[in-house]
Amino acid sequence: SFGGVDNVMPVDVFIPGCPPHPYAIINGLLRAVRLIAKK
């Protein structure tokens, strides 16, 4: 096992949970949108 996916490829946003709470998914998507808007 490699561990987390961040050991294999770069990760910009982590969404915690197994399974993640719907609020965590929305929060992660909003973070990703903000990162994309900055670039």
N, C-alpha and C. Protein backbone atom coordinates (compact mmCIF):
# COMPACT_ATOMS: atom_id res chain seq x y z
N SER A 1 0.83 -1.18 0.00
CA SER A 1 0.00 0.00 0.00
C SER A 1 0.88 1.25 0.00
N PHE A 2 0.47 2.27 -0.72
CA PHE A 2 1.21 3.52 -0.82
C PHE A 2 0.87 4.49 0.31
N GLY A 3 -0.16 4.22 1.06
CA GLY A 3 -0.63 5.19 2.06
C GLY A 3 -1.64 6.10 1.39
N GLY A 4 -1.55 7.38 1.66
CA GLY A 4 -2.46 8.35 1.05
C GLY A 4 -2.12 8.62 -0.40
N VAL A 5 -3.09 9.11 -1.14
CA VAL A 5 -2.88 9.42 -2.55
C VAL A 5 -1.82 10.51 -2.71
N ASP A 6 -1.63 11.34 -1.68
CA ASP A 6 -0.62 12.40 -1.76
C ASP A 6 0.80 11.84 -1.81
N ASN A 7 0.99 10.56 -1.54
CA ASN A 7 2.29 9.93 -1.70
C ASN A 7 2.55 9.53 -3.15
N VAL A 8 1.51 9.56 -3.98
CA VAL A 8 1.62 9.14 -5.37
C VAL A 8 1.56 10.33 -6.33
N MET A 9 0.71 11.31 -6.00
CA MET A 9 0.54 12.49 -6.87
C MET A 9 0.21 13.71 -6.01
N PRO A 10 0.43 14.90 -6.55
CA PRO A 10 0.12 16.11 -5.78
C PRO A 10 -1.39 16.25 -5.53
N VAL A 11 -1.73 16.72 -4.34
CA VAL A 11 -3.13 16.91 -3.96
C VAL A 11 -3.31 18.35 -3.51
N ASP A 12 -4.31 19.04 -4.06
CA ASP A 12 -4.58 20.43 -3.69
C ASP A 12 -5.59 20.55 -2.56
N VAL A 13 -6.58 19.66 -2.52
CA VAL A 13 -7.65 19.75 -1.53
C VAL A 13 -7.92 18.37 -0.95
N PHE A 14 -7.91 18.27 0.38
CA PHE A 14 -8.28 17.03 1.06
C PHE A 14 -9.72 17.14 1.53
N ILE A 15 -10.50 16.08 1.36
CA ILE A 15 -11.86 16.01 1.89
C ILE A 15 -11.86 14.87 2.90
N PRO A 16 -11.87 15.20 4.19
CA PRO A 16 -11.77 14.17 5.22
C PRO A 16 -13.07 13.39 5.39
N GLY A 17 -12.93 12.18 5.90
CA GLY A 17 -14.09 11.37 6.23
C GLY A 17 -14.18 10.10 5.41
N CYS A 18 -14.83 9.11 5.97
CA CYS A 18 -15.00 7.84 5.27
C CYS A 18 -16.34 7.25 5.68
N PRO A 19 -17.40 7.55 4.99
CA PRO A 19 -17.51 8.46 3.86
C PRO A 19 -17.55 9.91 4.33
N PRO A 20 -17.16 10.84 3.47
CA PRO A 20 -17.20 12.25 3.87
C PRO A 20 -18.63 12.74 4.03
N HIS A 21 -18.81 13.63 4.98
CA HIS A 21 -20.11 14.27 5.21
C HIS A 21 -20.41 15.17 4.01
N PRO A 22 -21.66 15.30 3.58
CA PRO A 22 -21.98 16.16 2.44
C PRO A 22 -21.43 17.58 2.57
N TYR A 23 -21.46 18.13 3.79
CA TYR A 23 -20.90 19.48 4.00
C TYR A 23 -19.41 19.50 3.68
N ALA A 24 -18.69 18.43 4.03
CA ALA A 24 -17.25 18.37 3.75
C ALA A 24 -16.99 18.33 2.25
N ILE A 25 -17.84 17.64 1.51
CA ILE A 25 -17.68 17.58 0.05
C ILE A 25 -17.90 18.96 -0.55
N ILE A 26 -18.95 19.65 -0.13
CA ILE A 26 -19.23 21.00 -0.64
C ILE A 26 -18.09 21.94 -0.28
N ASN A 27 -17.61 21.86 0.95
CA ASN A 27 -16.50 22.71 1.38
C ASN A 27 -15.25 22.44 0.53
N GLY A 28 -14.96 21.18 0.27
CA GLY A 28 -13.81 20.83 -0.56
C GLY A 28 -13.95 21.35 -1.98
N LEU A 29 -15.15 21.25 -2.54
CA LEU A 29 -15.37 21.78 -3.88
C LEU A 29 -15.21 23.29 -3.92
N LEU A 30 -15.70 23.98 -2.90
CA LEU A 30 -15.53 25.44 -2.85
C LEU A 30 -14.06 25.82 -2.75
N ARG A 31 -13.30 25.07 -1.97
CA ARG A 31 -11.86 25.33 -1.87
C ARG A 31 -11.19 25.14 -3.23
N ALA A 32 -11.57 24.08 -3.94
CA ALA A 32 -10.99 23.82 -5.25
C ALA A 32 -11.33 24.94 -6.23
N VAL A 33 -12.57 25.42 -6.19
CA VAL A 33 -12.98 26.51 -7.08
C VAL A 33 -12.15 27.76 -6.78
N ARG A 34 -11.94 28.05 -5.50
CA ARG A 34 -11.13 29.23 -5.13
C ARG A 34 -9.69 29.09 -5.62
N LEU A 35 -9.13 27.88 -5.51
CA LEU A 35 -7.77 27.66 -5.99
C LEU A 35 -7.68 27.86 -7.50
N ILE A 36 -8.68 27.37 -8.22
CA ILE A 36 -8.69 27.52 -9.68
C ILE A 36 -8.85 28.98 -10.05
N ALA A 37 -9.69 29.71 -9.33
CA ALA A 37 -9.92 31.13 -9.63
C ALA A 37 -8.66 31.96 -9.42
N LYS A 38 -7.80 31.55 -8.48
CA LYS A 38 -6.55 32.28 -8.22
C LYS A 38 -5.53 32.10 -9.33
N LYS A 39 -5.61 30.98 -10.07
CA LYS A 39 -4.61 30.68 -11.10
C LYS A 39 -4.89 31.35 -12.39
